Amino acid sequence: MNLNTTAILNSVIFAVLGVVIFCVGFVLLDKLTPYHLWKELTEHQNVALAIVVGFGILGICTIIAAAIH
């Protein structure tokens, strides 16, 4: 079995880069909202906010995936 180490290394680098960019995007989203996002999601269990944040996260991930691809 012939493994292309360059392709594997590139995949790992882009995966880590994507996760880092995603985390930065989530922190920015949290800072731009007028309330503490994580507290609203975990302590107050705001389902409507969780749905909106989930779609926002999917949007960020789609943009990151398109940029990396």
Protein backbone atom coordinates (compact mmCIF):
# COMPACT_ATOMS: atom_id res chain seq x y z
CA MET A 1 0.00 0.00 0.00
CA ASN A 2 1.55 3.26 -1.13
CA LEU A 3 0.70 6.21 1.11
CA ASN A 4 1.30 9.71 -0.08
CA THR A 5 2.72 11.38 3.04
CA THR A 6 2.50 14.86 1.52
CA ALA A 7 -1.24 14.50 0.95
CA ILE A 8 -1.76 13.18 4.49
CA LEU A 9 0.31 15.99 5.98
CA ASN A 10 -1.61 18.58 3.96
CA SER A 11 -4.91 17.09 5.12
CA VAL A 12 -3.87 17.25 8.76
CA ILE A 13 -2.59 20.83 8.43
CA PHE A 14 -5.78 22.02 6.73
CA ALA A 15 -7.96 20.19 9.28
CA VAL A 16 -6.14 21.84 12.19
CA LEU A 17 -6.24 25.20 10.43
CA GLY A 18 -9.99 24.82 9.83
CA VAL A 19 -10.66 24.00 13.48
CA VAL A 20 -8.59 26.98 14.65
CA ILE A 21 -10.40 29.34 12.28
CA PHE A 22 -13.72 27.90 13.43
CA CYS A 23 -12.84 28.51 17.09
CA VAL A 24 -11.82 32.09 16.33
CA GLY A 25 -15.09 32.58 14.43
CA PHE A 26 -17.13 31.25 17.36
CA VAL A 27 -15.32 33.55 19.81
CA LEU A 28 -15.97 36.50 17.48
CA LEU A 29 -19.64 35.54 17.24
CA ASP A 30 -19.77 35.35 21.04
CA LYS A 31 -18.15 38.79 21.39
CA LEU A 32 -20.47 40.40 18.81
CA THR A 33 -23.65 39.28 20.55
CA PRO A 34 -24.95 41.52 23.35
CA TYR A 35 -25.11 38.64 25.87
CA HIS A 36 -22.83 35.81 26.94
CA LEU A 37 -23.58 33.17 24.32
CA TRP A 38 -22.20 30.13 26.13
CA LYS A 39 -24.10 30.98 29.34
CA GLU A 40 -27.35 31.36 27.41
CA LEU A 41 -26.85 28.00 25.72
CA THR A 42 -25.76 25.95 28.72
CA GLU A 43 -27.35 27.49 31.82
CA HIS A 44 -30.55 28.97 30.42
CA GLN A 45 -30.90 26.25 27.74
CA ASN A 46 -32.20 28.69 25.15
CA VAL A 47 -33.24 26.35 22.32
CA ALA A 48 -34.07 29.10 19.83
CA LEU A 49 -30.64 30.65 20.31
CA ALA A 50 -29.02 27.22 19.94
CA ILE A 51 -30.71 26.77 16.57
CA VAL A 52 -29.61 30.21 15.36
CA VAL A 53 -26.05 29.68 16.59
CA GLY A 54 -26.00 26.22 15.00
CA PHE A 55 -26.90 27.66 11.62
CA GLY A 56 -24.32 30.41 12.07
CA ILE A 57 -21.68 27.81 12.84
CA LEU A 58 -22.67 25.79 9.78
CA GLY A 59 -22.30 28.96 7.71
CA ILE A 60 -18.82 29.62 9.11
CA CYS A 61 -17.81 26.00 8.48
CA THR A 62 -19.08 26.15 4.89
CA ILE A 63 -17.04 29.28 4.22
CA ILE A 64 -13.92 27.71 5.77
CA ALA A 65 -14.39 24.50 3.77
CA ALA A 66 -14.83 26.43 0.53
CA ALA A 67 -11.74 28.53 1.23
CA ILE A 68 -9.61 25.49 2.03
CA HIS A 69 -10.88 23.46 -0.91
